[in-house]
Amino acid sequence: MAKLVYTAFVSLDGFVENARGGPDWYAPDEEVWSYLNHLERPLGTYLYGRGLYESMVYWETAQLDPVLPQAPQQEFIDLWRKADKIVFSRTLGSVEMSKCRLEREFDPESVRRLKTGADADMSVGGATLAGEALRAGLLDELRIFTVPMLIGGRKRALPADIARTLDLREVQAFNGGVVFLRYTIA
């Protein structure tokens, strides 16, 4: 059975969005990007909520950006484009990504069946959707890049109303002060 993982860049005060509601408060450096690619390589499917979909659609045409992304971002583009994507949204009319389909509802049983039949691990993206997966008992691993910033944000990385025991599996510190923490859910 495939694992379902949640990877997030989180401010030290626990947020994934700044006070304006944007995800643009942090840009990984080359060292962090390279490590992120290491984590993303084995993934076969991304599950997105609407908000993260709207941020990630950039990568569909990123190679056309006049300020062409550096080598780690180029590798990410390749990894990301090869993976399947499922967007869960009641409000989007369509999705504009390759290898992507739109689902109107997050159905835990459908995701459980998807995990059972998958050949590669899966990623759930977006704090709200990850919270739903955590509530449903679908999430196997948390991969948190803790960024040394206090942003007083609007959206927390994890829901405040869920209690789970986590087992620390990996710690990796980067030169810019970012610390990666990988936990499995007990």
C-alpha atoms as a PDB file:
ATOM      1  CA  MET A   1       0.000   0.000   0.000  1.00  0.00           C
ATOM      2  CA  ALA A   2       1.230   3.470  -0.870  1.00  0.00           C
ATOM      3  CA  LYS A   3       1.891   6.055   1.821  1.00  0.00           C
ATOM      4  CA  LEU A   4       0.024   9.345   1.875  1.00  0.00           C
ATOM      5  CA  VAL A   5       2.342  12.173   2.926  1.00  0.00           C
ATOM      6  CA  TYR A   6       1.805  15.843   3.682  1.00  0.00           C
ATOM      7  CA  THR A   7       4.711  18.144   2.873  1.00  0.00           C
ATOM      8  CA  ALA A   8       4.500  21.776   3.929  1.00  0.00           C
ATOM      9  CA  PHE A   9       6.638  24.842   4.391  1.00  0.00           C
ATOM     10  CA  VAL A  10       5.592  26.191   7.775  1.00  0.00           C
ATOM     11  CA  SER A  11       6.542  29.366   9.595  1.00  0.00           C
ATOM     12  CA  LEU A  12       7.880  28.962  13.109  1.00  0.00           C
ATOM     13  CA  ASP A  13       4.516  30.199  14.397  1.00  0.00           C
ATOM     14  CA  GLY A  14       2.766  27.373  12.515  1.00  0.00           C
ATOM     15  CA  PHE A  15       1.332  29.027   9.407  1.00  0.00           C
ATOM     16  CA  VAL A  16       1.386  28.142   5.703  1.00  0.00           C
ATOM     17  CA  GLU A  17      -0.180  31.425   4.557  1.00  0.00           C
ATOM     18  CA  ASN A  18       0.716  34.959   5.528  1.00  0.00           C
ATOM     19  CA  ALA A  19      -1.790  37.434   6.996  1.00  0.00           C
ATOM     20  CA  ARG A  20      -2.911  38.411   3.466  1.00  0.00           C
ATOM     21  CA  GLY A  21      -3.737  34.788   2.723  1.00  0.00           C
ATOM     22  CA  GLY A  22      -0.843  34.267   0.333  1.00  0.00           C
ATOM     23  CA  PRO A  23       1.665  31.434   0.098  1.00  0.00           C
ATOM     24  CA  ASP A  24       4.358  33.823  -1.150  1.00  0.00           C
ATOM     25  CA  TRP A  25       6.066  34.476   2.195  1.00  0.00           C
ATOM     26  CA  TYR A  26       8.982  32.090   1.597  1.00  0.00           C
ATOM     27  CA  ALA A  27      11.070  30.967  -1.381  1.00  0.00           C
ATOM     28  CA  PRO A  28      13.306  27.905  -0.853  1.00  0.00           C
ATOM     29  CA  ASP A  29      16.988  28.282  -1.654  1.00  0.00           C
ATOM     30  CA  GLU A  30      18.856  25.812  -3.881  1.00  0.00           C
ATOM     31  CA  GLU A  31      19.813  23.534  -0.970  1.00  0.00           C
ATOM     32  CA  VAL A  32      16.215  23.223   0.258  1.00  0.00           C
ATOM     33  CA  TRP A  33      14.882  22.792  -3.309  1.00  0.00           C
ATOM     34  CA  SER A  34      17.319  19.945  -3.906  1.00  0.00           C
ATOM     35  CA  TYR A  35      16.203  18.187  -0.740  1.00  0.00           C
ATOM     36  CA  LEU A  36      12.548  18.737  -1.625  1.00  0.00           C
ATOM     37  CA  ASN A  37      13.211  17.081  -5.001  1.00  0.00           C
ATOM     38  CA  HIS A  38      14.768  14.130  -3.166  1.00  0.00           C
ATOM     39  CA  LEU A  39      11.473  13.762  -1.255  1.00  0.00           C
ATOM     40  CA  GLU A  40       9.269  14.296  -4.316  1.00  0.00           C
ATOM     41  CA  ARG A  41      11.056  11.831  -6.629  1.00  0.00           C
ATOM     42  CA  PRO A  42       9.162   8.706  -5.428  1.00  0.00           C
ATOM     43  CA  LEU A  43       5.705  10.339  -5.537  1.00  0.00           C
ATOM     44  CA  GLY A  44       3.253   9.211  -8.179  1.00  0.00           C
ATOM     45  CA  THR A  45       0.151  11.254  -7.332  1.00  0.00           C
ATOM     46  CA  TYR A  46      -0.562  14.672  -5.842  1.00  0.00           C
ATOM     47  CA  LEU A  47      -3.876  15.417  -4.144  1.00  0.00           C
ATOM     48  CA  TYR A  48      -4.622  19.161  -4.050  1.00  0.00           C
ATOM     49  CA  GLY A  49      -7.276  21.421  -2.662  1.00  0.00           C
ATOM     50  CA  ARG A  50      -8.391  24.423  -4.707  1.00  0.00           C
ATOM     51  CA  GLY A  51      -6.007  26.905  -3.080  1.00  0.00           C
ATOM     52  CA  LEU A  52      -2.879  24.851  -3.617  1.00  0.00           C
ATOM     53  CA  TYR A  53      -4.002  23.965  -7.139  1.00  0.00           C
ATOM     54  CA  GLU A  54      -4.170  27.683  -7.934  1.00  0.00           C
ATOM     55  CA  SER A  55      -0.586  28.102  -6.697  1.00  0.00           C
ATOM     56  CA  MET A  56       0.774  24.970  -8.367  1.00  0.00           C
ATOM     57  CA  VAL A  57      -0.711  25.593 -11.820  1.00  0.00           C
ATOM     58  CA  TYR A  58       2.277  27.916 -12.353  1.00  0.00           C
ATOM     59  CA  TRP A  59       4.486  24.835 -12.775  1.00  0.00           C
ATOM     60  CA  GLU A  60       2.498  23.796 -15.841  1.00  0.00           C
ATOM     61  CA  THR A  61       4.189  26.596 -17.823  1.00  0.00           C
ATOM     62  CA  ALA A  62       7.131  27.510 -15.561  1.00  0.00           C
ATOM     63  CA  GLN A  63       9.638  26.679 -18.290  1.00  0.00           C
ATOM     64  CA  LEU A  64       8.248  29.701 -20.209  1.00  0.00           C
ATOM     65  CA  ASP A  65       9.012  32.089 -17.338  1.00  0.00           C
ATOM     66  CA  PRO A  66      11.479  34.773 -18.571  1.00  0.00           C
ATOM     67  CA  VAL A  67      13.370  34.372 -15.293  1.00  0.00           C
ATOM     68  CA  LEU A  68      13.901  30.680 -15.925  1.00  0.00           C
ATOM     69  CA  PRO A  69      13.990  28.680 -12.686  1.00  0.00           C
ATOM     70  CA  GLN A  70      17.341  27.320 -11.509  1.00  0.00           C
ATOM     71  CA  ALA A  71      18.424  23.670 -11.797  1.00  0.00           C
ATOM     72  CA  PRO A  72      16.530  22.356  -8.722  1.00  0.00           C
ATOM     73  CA  GLN A  73      13.320  24.018  -9.924  1.00  0.00           C
ATOM     74  CA  GLN A  74      13.861  22.563 -13.400  1.00  0.00           C
ATOM     75  CA  GLU A  75      14.130  19.113 -11.853  1.00  0.00           C
ATOM     76  CA  PHE A  76      10.977  19.780  -9.834  1.00  0.00           C
ATOM     77  CA  ILE A  77       9.121  20.727 -13.030  1.00  0.00           C
ATOM     78  CA  ASP A  78      10.041  17.360 -14.540  1.00  0.00           C
ATOM     79  CA  LEU A  79       9.080  15.407 -11.422  1.00  0.00           C
ATOM     80  CA  TRP A  80       5.818  17.293 -11.016  1.00  0.00           C
ATOM     81  CA  ARG A  81       4.762  16.967 -14.642  1.00  0.00           C
ATOM     82  CA  LYS A  82       5.263  13.173 -14.596  1.00  0.00           C
ATOM     83  CA  ALA A  83       2.974  12.697 -11.590  1.00  0.00           C
ATOM     84  CA  ASP A  84      -0.793  12.343 -11.653  1.00  0.00           C
ATOM     85  CA  LYS A  85      -2.792  15.095  -9.974  1.00  0.00           C
ATOM     86  CA  ILE A  86      -6.258  15.119  -8.447  1.00  0.00           C
ATOM     87  CA  VAL A  87      -7.842  18.426  -7.443  1.00  0.00           C
ATOM     88  CA  PHE A  88     -10.700  18.429  -4.945  1.00  0.00           C
ATOM     89  CA  SER A  89     -12.932  21.466  -5.401  1.00  0.00           C
ATOM     90  CA  ARG A  90     -16.630  22.278  -5.403  1.00  0.00           C
ATOM     91  CA  THR A  91     -16.030  25.672  -7.037  1.00  0.00           C
ATOM     92  CA  LEU A  92     -13.586  25.113  -9.921  1.00  0.00           C
ATOM     93  CA  GLY A  93     -15.185  24.584 -13.313  1.00  0.00           C
ATOM     94  CA  SER A  94     -12.164  22.781 -14.747  1.00  0.00           C
ATOM     95  CA  VAL A  95      -8.471  22.146 -14.153  1.00  0.00           C
ATOM     96  CA  GLU A  96      -5.640  23.281 -16.422  1.00  0.00           C
ATOM     97  CA  MET A  97      -2.831  20.876 -15.591  1.00  0.00           C
ATOM     98  CA  SER A  98      -1.463  17.892 -17.445  1.00  0.00           C
ATOM     99  CA  LYS A  99      -2.263  14.480 -15.975  1.00  0.00           C
ATOM    100  CA  CYS A 100      -4.909  16.066 -13.761  1.00  0.00           C
ATOM    101  CA  ARG A 101      -8.540  15.399 -12.939  1.00  0.00           C
ATOM    102  CA  LEU A 102     -11.121  17.282 -10.898  1.00  0.00           C
ATOM    103  CA  GLU A 103     -13.138  15.688  -8.099  1.00  0.00           C
ATOM    104  CA  ARG A 104     -16.003  17.572  -6.460  1.00  0.00           C
ATOM    105  CA  GLU A 105     -15.763  15.928  -3.024  1.00  0.00           C
ATOM    106  CA  PHE A 106     -12.970  14.547  -0.883  1.00  0.00           C
ATOM    107  CA  ASP A 107     -14.135  10.977  -0.288  1.00  0.00           C
ATOM    108  CA  PRO A 108     -11.926   9.201   2.259  1.00  0.00           C
ATOM    109  CA  GLU A 109     -12.916   5.745   1.031  1.00  0.00           C
ATOM    110  CA  SER A 110     -11.977   6.588  -2.561  1.00  0.00           C
ATOM    111  CA  VAL A 111      -8.610   7.901  -1.384  1.00  0.00           C
ATOM    112  CA  ARG A 112      -8.092   4.757   0.713  1.00  0.00           C
ATOM    113  CA  ARG A 113      -8.745   2.608  -2.381  1.00  0.00           C
ATOM    114  CA  LEU A 114      -6.390   4.820  -4.388  1.00  0.00           C
ATOM    115  CA  LYS A 115      -3.651   4.280  -1.779  1.00  0.00           C
ATOM    116  CA  THR A 116      -4.228   0.521  -1.850  1.00  0.00           C
ATOM    117  CA  GLY A 117      -3.897   0.314  -5.620  1.00  0.00           C
ATOM    118  CA  ALA A 118      -1.091   2.845  -6.107  1.00  0.00           C
ATOM    119  CA  ASP A 119       2.373   1.808  -7.271  1.00  0.00           C
ATOM    120  CA  ALA A 120       4.002   4.910  -5.763  1.00  0.00           C
ATOM    121  CA  ASP A 121       3.508   7.046  -2.681  1.00  0.00           C
ATOM    122  CA  MET A 122       1.072   9.932  -2.798  1.00  0.00           C
ATOM    123  CA  SER A 123       1.138  13.497  -1.496  1.00  0.00           C
ATOM    124  CA  VAL A 124      -1.727  15.526  -0.125  1.00  0.00           C
ATOM    125  CA  GLY A 125      -1.232  19.255  -0.474  1.00  0.00           C
ATOM    126  CA  GLY A 126      -2.962  22.176   1.106  1.00  0.00           C
ATOM    127  CA  ALA A 127      -3.566  22.558   4.809  1.00  0.00           C
ATOM    128  CA  THR A 128      -7.341  22.130   4.623  1.00  0.00           C
ATOM    129  CA  LEU A 129      -7.201  18.969   2.527  1.00  0.00           C
ATOM    130  CA  ALA A 130      -4.345  17.553   4.627  1.00  0.00           C
ATOM    131  CA  GLY A 131      -6.466  18.193   7.719  1.00  0.00           C
ATOM    132  CA  GLU A 132      -9.324  16.207   6.195  1.00  0.00           C
ATOM    133  CA  ALA A 133      -6.949  13.345   5.365  1.00  0.00           C
ATOM    134  CA  LEU A 134      -5.579  13.436   8.921  1.00  0.00           C
ATOM    135  CA  ARG A 135      -9.098  13.356  10.400  1.00  0.00           C
ATOM    136  CA  ALA A 136      -9.977  10.390   8.173  1.00  0.00           C
ATOM    137  CA  GLY A 137      -6.905   8.423   9.284  1.00  0.00           C
ATOM    138  CA  LEU A 138      -5.399   8.457   5.786  1.00  0.00           C
ATOM    139  CA  LEU A 139      -2.218  10.396   6.455  1.00  0.00           C
ATOM    140  CA  ASP A 140       0.893   8.295   7.068  1.00  0.00           C
ATOM    141  CA  GLU A 141       3.620  10.896   7.272  1.00  0.00           C
ATOM    142  CA  LEU A 142       4.180  14.601   7.931  1.00  0.00           C
ATOM    143  CA  ARG A 143       7.112  16.287   6.179  1.00  0.00           C
ATOM    144  CA  ILE A 144       7.494  19.743   7.615  1.00  0.00           C
ATOM    145  CA  PHE A 145      10.032  22.336   6.488  1.00  0.00           C
ATOM    146  CA  THR A 146      10.105  24.755   9.415  1.00  0.00           C
ATOM    147  CA  VAL A 147      11.104  28.203   8.189  1.00  0.00           C
ATOM    148  CA  PRO A 148      12.711  30.597  10.699  1.00  0.00           C
ATOM    149  CA  MET A 149      10.096  33.306  10.261  1.00  0.00           C
ATOM    150  CA  LEU A 150       7.126  34.531  12.277  1.00  0.00           C
ATOM    151  CA  ILE A 151       4.441  35.578   9.801  1.00  0.00           C
ATOM    152  CA  GLY A 152       1.340  35.931  11.954  1.00  0.00           C
ATOM    153  CA  GLY A 153      -0.491  34.147   9.206  1.00  0.00           C
ATOM    154  CA  ARG A 154      -4.026  33.266   8.425  1.00  0.00           C
ATOM    155  CA  LYS A 155      -3.990  29.534   7.754  1.00  0.00           C
ATOM    156  CA  ARG A 156      -2.342  27.022  10.064  1.00  0.00           C
ATOM    157  CA  ALA A 157      -0.384  24.092   8.653  1.00  0.00           C
ATOM    158  CA  LEU A 158      -2.322  21.603  10.781  1.00  0.00           C
ATOM    159  CA  PRO A 159      -5.781  21.729  12.329  1.00  0.00           C
ATOM    160  CA  ALA A 160      -5.939  22.743  15.981  1.00  0.00           C
ATOM    161  CA  ASP A 161      -8.648  20.243  16.886  1.00  0.00           C
ATOM    162  CA  ILE A 162      -6.819  16.974  16.166  1.00  0.00           C
ATOM    163  CA  ALA A 163      -4.704  15.022  18.644  1.00  0.00           C
ATOM    164  CA  ARG A 164      -2.289  12.385  17.302  1.00  0.00           C
ATOM    165  CA  THR A 165       0.945  10.835  18.474  1.00  0.00           C
ATOM    166  CA  LEU A 166       3.822  11.344  16.060  1.00  0.00           C
ATOM    167  CA  ASP A 167       7.113   9.471  15.795  1.00  0.00           C
ATOM    168  CA  LEU A 168      10.106  11.559  14.729  1.00  0.00           C
ATOM    169  CA  ARG A 169      11.937   9.781  11.892  1.00  0.00           C
ATOM    170  CA  GLU A 170      14.257  12.423  10.464  1.00  0.00           C
ATOM    171  CA  VAL A 171      15.716  15.841  11.205  1.00  0.00           C
ATOM    172  CA  GLN A 172      17.690  17.810   8.623  1.00  0.00           C
ATOM    173  CA  ALA A 173      18.987  21.345   9.182  1.00  0.00           C
ATOM    174  CA  PHE A 174      19.864  23.600   6.246  1.00  0.00           C
ATOM    175  CA  ASN A 175      22.324  26.492   6.035  1.00  0.00           C
ATOM    176  CA  GLY A 176      19.594  29.144   5.760  1.00  0.00           C
ATOM    177  CA  GLY A 177      18.031  28.092   9.065  1.00  0.00           C
ATOM    178  CA  VAL A 178      15.248  25.909   7.665  1.00  0.00           C
ATOM    179  CA  VAL A 179      14.791  22.645   9.579  1.00  0.00           C
ATOM    180  CA  PHE A 180      13.123  19.614   7.978  1.00  0.00           C
ATOM    181  CA  LEU A 181      11.183  17.288  10.284  1.00  0.00           C
ATOM    182  CA  ARG A 182       9.716  13.984   9.129  1.00  0.00           C
ATOM    183  CA  TYR A 183       7.182  12.265  11.355  1.00  0.00           C
ATOM    184  CA  THR A 184       5.169   9.113  10.958  1.00  0.00           C
ATOM    185  CA  ILE A 185       1.731   9.032  12.497  1.00  0.00           C
ATOM    186  CA  ALA A 186       1.491   6.412  15.222  1.00  0.00           C
END
